[in-house]
Amino acid sequence: MASTKAFAAFFIATTLLLAEPSLGIASKATFYNQYKHYSFAAAAPSIYSNGAACGRYYCVKCTSNGCRNSNVIRVKILDLCPGCPGAFDLSQQAFARIANPDAGVINIDYYQ
């Protein structure tokens, strides 16, 4: 009985760990002022995929250099960012929710 409880506790803890957003895809994000809504973003060509990603949502979490908190934001892809140094060019409002805009470029983890 004790081993069953221990296994159940291990299973729950492992499942919660695997659901942690920081286990997403590592990349970088910048911001821009084109959109005034906090949940919009442009995506790098590898994600944008000739427009296939337009309208899709991605969850983004700041992982270093300037993070404000451990919040995960959800952004909708509306445009292509051909020169992005990472995965996303977030709206300034989205960027400011997870990092100090003075950072300019942040490390992120993301998932769909």
N, C-alpha and C. Protein backbone atom coordinates (compact mmCIF):
# COMPACT_ATOMS: atom_id res chain seq x y z
N MET A 1 0.82 -1.19 0.00
CA MET A 1 0.00 0.00 0.00
C MET A 1 0.87 1.25 0.00
N ALA A 2 1.93 1.26 0.81
CA ALA A 2 2.80 2.43 0.89
C ALA A 2 3.50 2.67 -0.44
N SER A 3 3.89 1.58 -1.13
CA SER A 3 4.56 1.76 -2.41
C SER A 3 3.60 2.31 -3.46
N THR A 4 2.33 1.97 -3.36
CA THR A 4 1.33 2.51 -4.28
C THR A 4 1.16 4.01 -4.07
N LYS A 5 1.13 4.44 -2.81
CA LYS A 5 1.02 5.87 -2.51
C LYS A 5 2.27 6.62 -2.97
N ALA A 6 3.44 6.02 -2.76
CA ALA A 6 4.69 6.65 -3.19
C ALA A 6 4.72 6.78 -4.71
N PHE A 7 4.29 5.73 -5.41
CA PHE A 7 4.26 5.78 -6.86
C PHE A 7 3.28 6.84 -7.35
N ALA A 8 2.11 6.93 -6.72
CA ALA A 8 1.11 7.93 -7.10
C ALA A 8 1.67 9.33 -6.89
N ALA A 9 2.34 9.57 -5.78
CA ALA A 9 2.93 10.89 -5.52
C ALA A 9 4.00 11.20 -6.55
N PHE A 10 4.85 10.21 -6.89
CA PHE A 10 5.88 10.40 -7.90
C PHE A 10 5.25 10.70 -9.26
N PHE A 11 4.21 9.95 -9.62
CA PHE A 11 3.53 10.15 -10.91
C PHE A 11 2.95 11.56 -11.01
N ILE A 12 2.28 12.01 -9.97
CA ILE A 12 1.68 13.36 -9.97
C ILE A 12 2.76 14.43 -10.08
N ALA A 13 3.82 14.30 -9.31
CA ALA A 13 4.91 15.28 -9.34
C ALA A 13 5.56 15.31 -10.72
N THR A 14 5.79 14.14 -11.31
CA THR A 14 6.40 14.08 -12.64
C THR A 14 5.48 14.69 -13.68
N THR A 15 4.21 14.42 -13.60
CA THR A 15 3.25 14.97 -14.55
C THR A 15 3.21 16.49 -14.46
N LEU A 16 3.22 17.02 -13.25
CA LEU A 16 3.23 18.47 -13.08
C LEU A 16 4.51 19.07 -13.62
N LEU A 17 5.62 18.40 -13.41
CA LEU A 17 6.89 18.89 -13.94
C LEU A 17 6.89 18.92 -15.45
N LEU A 18 6.36 17.89 -16.07
CA LEU A 18 6.33 17.83 -17.53
C LEU A 18 5.41 18.89 -18.12
N ALA A 19 4.43 19.35 -17.36
CA ALA A 19 3.51 20.37 -17.85
C ALA A 19 4.08 21.78 -17.69
N GLU A 20 5.23 21.91 -17.04
CA GLU A 20 5.85 23.22 -16.80
C GLU A 20 6.21 23.89 -18.12
N PRO A 21 5.73 25.12 -18.36
CA PRO A 21 6.00 25.80 -19.61
C PRO A 21 7.47 26.00 -19.92
N SER A 22 8.34 26.02 -18.91
CA SER A 22 9.75 26.23 -19.17
C SER A 22 10.36 25.06 -19.92
N LEU A 23 9.62 23.99 -20.12
CA LEU A 23 10.12 22.86 -20.89
C LEU A 23 9.74 22.97 -22.36
N GLY A 24 9.33 24.16 -22.79
CA GLY A 24 9.00 24.38 -24.19
C GLY A 24 10.26 24.54 -25.02
N ILE A 25 10.11 25.10 -26.20
CA ILE A 25 11.23 25.32 -27.11
C ILE A 25 11.95 26.60 -26.72
N ALA A 26 13.25 26.54 -26.57
CA ALA A 26 14.03 27.71 -26.18
C ALA A 26 14.32 28.58 -27.40
N SER A 27 14.21 29.88 -27.22
CA SER A 27 14.49 30.82 -28.31
C SER A 27 14.68 32.21 -27.73
N LYS A 28 14.48 33.22 -28.55
CA LYS A 28 14.57 34.62 -28.13
C LYS A 28 13.34 35.36 -28.61
N ALA A 29 13.07 36.51 -27.98
CA ALA A 29 11.96 37.36 -28.40
C ALA A 29 12.38 38.82 -28.30
N THR A 30 11.81 39.63 -29.18
CA THR A 30 11.98 41.08 -29.17
C THR A 30 10.59 41.69 -29.11
N PHE A 31 10.49 43.02 -29.24
CA PHE A 31 9.17 43.63 -29.29
C PHE A 31 9.14 44.74 -30.33
N TYR A 32 7.93 45.13 -30.68
CA TYR A 32 7.71 46.19 -31.66
C TYR A 32 6.45 46.95 -31.30
N ASN A 33 6.22 48.06 -31.94
CA ASN A 33 5.10 48.94 -31.58
C ASN A 33 3.96 48.93 -32.59
N GLN A 34 3.96 48.05 -33.56
CA GLN A 34 2.94 48.08 -34.59
C GLN A 34 1.54 47.80 -34.04
N TYR A 35 1.43 46.80 -33.18
CA TYR A 35 0.13 46.46 -32.61
C TYR A 35 0.03 47.00 -31.20
N LYS A 36 -1.13 47.50 -30.85
CA LYS A 36 -1.33 48.08 -29.52
C LYS A 36 -1.99 47.11 -28.55
N HIS A 37 -2.27 45.91 -28.99
CA HIS A 37 -2.92 44.92 -28.15
C HIS A 37 -1.86 44.02 -27.54
N TYR A 38 -2.03 43.66 -26.28
CA TYR A 38 -1.00 42.91 -25.57
C TYR A 38 -0.83 41.47 -26.04
N SER A 39 -1.74 40.93 -26.82
CA SER A 39 -1.62 39.51 -27.16
C SER A 39 -1.23 39.24 -28.61
N PHE A 40 -0.67 40.21 -29.31
CA PHE A 40 -0.30 40.00 -30.71
C PHE A 40 1.20 39.84 -30.86
N ALA A 41 1.60 39.10 -31.92
CA ALA A 41 3.02 38.89 -32.18
C ALA A 41 3.24 38.60 -33.66
N ALA A 42 4.48 38.81 -34.09
CA ALA A 42 4.93 38.38 -35.41
C ALA A 42 5.88 37.21 -35.17
N ALA A 43 5.94 36.29 -36.12
CA ALA A 43 6.75 35.09 -35.96
C ALA A 43 7.88 35.03 -36.98
N ALA A 44 8.96 34.40 -36.59
CA ALA A 44 10.08 34.16 -37.49
C ALA A 44 9.60 33.26 -38.63
N PRO A 45 10.28 33.30 -39.78
CA PRO A 45 9.86 32.50 -40.94
C PRO A 45 9.69 31.01 -40.64
N SER A 46 10.55 30.46 -39.77
CA SER A 46 10.45 29.03 -39.46
C SER A 46 9.14 28.67 -38.76
N ILE A 47 8.58 29.62 -38.02
CA ILE A 47 7.30 29.39 -37.34
C ILE A 47 6.14 29.85 -38.22
N TYR A 48 6.32 30.99 -38.88
CA TYR A 48 5.26 31.57 -39.71
C TYR A 48 4.84 30.64 -40.84
N SER A 49 5.81 29.95 -41.41
CA SER A 49 5.56 28.90 -42.40
C SER A 49 4.65 29.37 -43.54
N ASN A 50 5.08 30.44 -44.20
CA ASN A 50 4.34 31.00 -45.34
C ASN A 50 2.89 31.33 -45.01
N GLY A 51 2.64 31.75 -43.80
CA GLY A 51 1.31 32.17 -43.38
C GLY A 51 0.50 31.10 -42.67
N ALA A 52 0.99 29.88 -42.63
CA ALA A 52 0.24 28.79 -41.98
C ALA A 52 0.03 29.05 -40.49
N ALA A 53 0.94 29.79 -39.85
CA ALA A 53 0.82 30.07 -38.41
C ALA A 53 -0.06 31.27 -38.11
N CYS A 54 -0.46 32.00 -39.13
CA CYS A 54 -1.28 33.19 -38.91
C CYS A 54 -2.58 32.79 -38.20
N GLY A 55 -2.85 33.44 -37.08
CA GLY A 55 -4.03 33.13 -36.29
C GLY A 55 -3.80 32.12 -35.19
N ARG A 56 -2.66 31.44 -35.21
CA ARG A 56 -2.35 30.47 -34.16
C ARG A 56 -1.91 31.18 -32.89
N TYR A 57 -2.10 30.52 -31.77
CA TYR A 57 -1.68 31.04 -30.48
C TYR A 57 -0.47 30.27 -29.97
N TYR A 58 0.44 31.00 -29.33
CA TYR A 58 1.61 30.41 -28.69
C TYR A 58 1.73 30.95 -27.28
N CYS A 59 2.19 30.11 -26.38
CA CYS A 59 2.47 30.52 -25.00
C CYS A 59 3.95 30.83 -24.90
N VAL A 60 4.28 31.96 -24.26
CA VAL A 60 5.66 32.44 -24.19
C VAL A 60 5.99 32.77 -22.73
N LYS A 61 7.17 32.34 -22.31
CA LYS A 61 7.64 32.61 -20.94
C LYS A 61 9.07 33.13 -21.02
N CYS A 62 9.34 34.23 -20.35
CA CYS A 62 10.69 34.78 -20.26
C CYS A 62 11.51 33.88 -19.34
N THR A 63 12.76 33.58 -19.75
CA THR A 63 13.59 32.68 -18.95
C THR A 63 14.87 33.31 -18.42
N SER A 64 15.20 34.53 -18.86
CA SER A 64 16.42 35.18 -18.34
C SER A 64 16.49 36.63 -18.78
N ASN A 65 17.57 37.29 -18.42
CA ASN A 65 17.93 38.68 -18.76
C ASN A 65 16.77 39.67 -18.87
N GLY A 66 16.26 40.09 -17.74
CA GLY A 66 15.24 41.13 -17.73
C GLY A 66 13.84 40.67 -17.43
N CYS A 67 13.66 39.40 -17.07
CA CYS A 67 12.31 38.90 -16.77
C CYS A 67 11.69 39.67 -15.62
N ARG A 68 10.41 39.97 -15.73
CA ARG A 68 9.67 40.65 -14.66
C ARG A 68 9.09 39.67 -13.66
N ASN A 69 8.69 38.53 -14.13
CA ASN A 69 8.03 37.55 -13.29
C ASN A 69 8.06 36.21 -14.01
N SER A 70 7.36 35.26 -13.51
CA SER A 70 7.33 33.94 -14.16
C SER A 70 6.04 33.72 -14.93
N ASN A 71 5.37 34.81 -15.31
CA ASN A 71 4.13 34.68 -16.06
C ASN A 71 4.35 34.07 -17.44
N VAL A 72 3.34 33.38 -17.89
CA VAL A 72 3.30 32.87 -19.25
C VAL A 72 2.24 33.69 -19.97
N ILE A 73 2.61 34.26 -21.12
CA ILE A 73 1.63 35.02 -21.90
C ILE A 73 1.23 34.19 -23.11
N ARG A 74 0.05 34.46 -23.61
CA ARG A 74 -0.46 33.77 -24.80
C ARG A 74 -0.59 34.83 -25.89
N VAL A 75 0.08 34.60 -27.03
CA VAL A 75 0.05 35.58 -28.11
C VAL A 75 -0.48 34.94 -29.39
N LYS A 76 -1.12 35.79 -30.19
CA LYS A 76 -1.68 35.36 -31.47
C LYS A 76 -0.77 35.87 -32.59
N ILE A 77 -0.40 34.98 -33.48
CA ILE A 77 0.46 35.35 -34.60
C ILE A 77 -0.36 36.07 -35.66
N LEU A 78 0.09 37.30 -35.98
CA LEU A 78 -0.60 38.11 -36.98
C LEU A 78 0.28 38.51 -38.16
N ASP A 79 1.58 38.26 -38.05
CA ASP A 79 2.47 38.78 -39.08
C ASP A 79 3.76 37.97 -39.11
N LEU A 80 4.54 38.22 -40.16
CA LEU A 80 5.86 37.63 -40.33
C LEU A 80 6.92 38.61 -39.84
N CYS A 81 7.93 38.10 -39.19
CA CYS A 81 9.08 38.91 -38.77
C CYS A 81 10.32 38.30 -39.45
N PRO A 82 10.62 38.74 -40.67
CA PRO A 82 11.71 38.11 -41.42
C PRO A 82 13.09 38.28 -40.78
N GLY A 83 13.30 39.33 -40.00
CA GLY A 83 14.61 39.56 -39.41
C GLY A 83 14.68 39.28 -37.92
N CYS A 84 13.74 38.56 -37.38
CA CYS A 84 13.73 38.28 -35.94
C CYS A 84 14.98 37.51 -35.52
N PRO A 85 15.60 37.91 -34.40
CA PRO A 85 16.75 37.17 -33.91
C PRO A 85 16.35 35.88 -33.19
N GLY A 86 15.05 35.68 -33.04
CA GLY A 86 14.54 34.49 -32.37
C GLY A 86 13.20 34.12 -32.97
N ALA A 87 12.34 33.56 -32.14
CA ALA A 87 11.06 33.05 -32.60
C ALA A 87 10.01 34.13 -32.82
N PHE A 88 9.95 35.14 -31.92
CA PHE A 88 8.84 36.08 -31.95
C PHE A 88 9.28 37.53 -31.82
N ASP A 89 8.49 38.40 -32.42
CA ASP A 89 8.55 39.83 -32.20
C ASP A 89 7.21 40.16 -31.55
N LEU A 90 7.22 40.31 -30.24
CA LEU A 90 5.99 40.51 -29.46
C LEU A 90 5.53 41.96 -29.55
N SER A 91 4.25 42.19 -29.33
CA SER A 91 3.80 43.57 -29.17
C SER A 91 4.50 44.12 -27.92
N GLN A 92 4.67 45.41 -27.86
CA GLN A 92 5.37 46.00 -26.71
C GLN A 92 4.64 45.67 -25.41
N GLN A 93 3.30 45.65 -25.46
CA GLN A 93 2.52 45.34 -24.25
C GLN A 93 2.76 43.90 -23.80
N ALA A 94 2.83 42.96 -24.75
CA ALA A 94 3.08 41.57 -24.39
C ALA A 94 4.47 41.42 -23.78
N PHE A 95 5.45 42.05 -24.41
CA PHE A 95 6.82 41.98 -23.92
C PHE A 95 6.91 42.54 -22.50
N ALA A 96 6.26 43.69 -22.26
CA ALA A 96 6.31 44.34 -20.95
C ALA A 96 5.64 43.53 -19.86
N ARG A 97 4.74 42.64 -20.22
CA ARG A 97 4.09 41.80 -19.21
C ARG A 97 5.03 40.75 -18.65
N ILE A 98 6.07 40.37 -19.42
CA ILE A 98 6.97 39.32 -18.95
C ILE A 98 8.41 39.80 -18.74
N ALA A 99 8.76 40.98 -19.30
CA ALA A 99 10.15 41.44 -19.17
C ALA A 99 10.23 42.95 -19.23
N ASN A 100 11.34 43.47 -18.75
CA ASN A 100 11.61 44.90 -18.84
C ASN A 100 11.94 45.24 -20.29
N PRO A 101 11.19 46.17 -20.92
CA PRO A 101 11.47 46.53 -22.31
C PRO A 101 12.90 47.02 -22.55
N ASP A 102 13.57 47.53 -21.51
CA ASP A 102 14.96 47.96 -21.66
C ASP A 102 15.88 46.80 -22.04
N ALA A 103 15.46 45.57 -21.78
CA ALA A 103 16.27 44.40 -22.13
C ALA A 103 16.38 44.27 -23.65
N GLY A 104 15.34 44.66 -24.38
CA GLY A 104 15.37 44.60 -25.84
C GLY A 104 15.16 43.22 -26.41
N VAL A 105 16.03 42.29 -26.07
CA VAL A 105 15.93 40.90 -26.52
C VAL A 105 15.99 40.03 -25.27
N ILE A 106 15.07 39.08 -25.19
CA ILE A 106 15.03 38.19 -24.02
C ILE A 106 15.08 36.73 -24.47
N ASN A 107 15.56 35.89 -23.57
CA ASN A 107 15.48 34.44 -23.78
C ASN A 107 14.09 34.00 -23.36
N ILE A 108 13.52 33.10 -24.13
CA ILE A 108 12.17 32.60 -23.85
C ILE A 108 12.11 31.09 -24.03
N ASP A 109 11.05 30.53 -23.50
CA ASP A 109 10.59 29.19 -23.84
C ASP A 109 9.18 29.39 -24.39
N TYR A 110 8.83 28.64 -25.42
CA TYR A 110 7.49 28.77 -25.98
C TYR A 110 6.94 27.42 -26.38
N TYR A 111 5.65 27.34 -26.45
CA TYR A 111 4.96 26.14 -26.92
C TYR A 111 3.60 26.57 -27.46
N GLN A 112 3.05 25.69 -28.27
CA GLN A 112 1.75 26.01 -28.87
C GLN A 112 0.64 25.44 -28.05
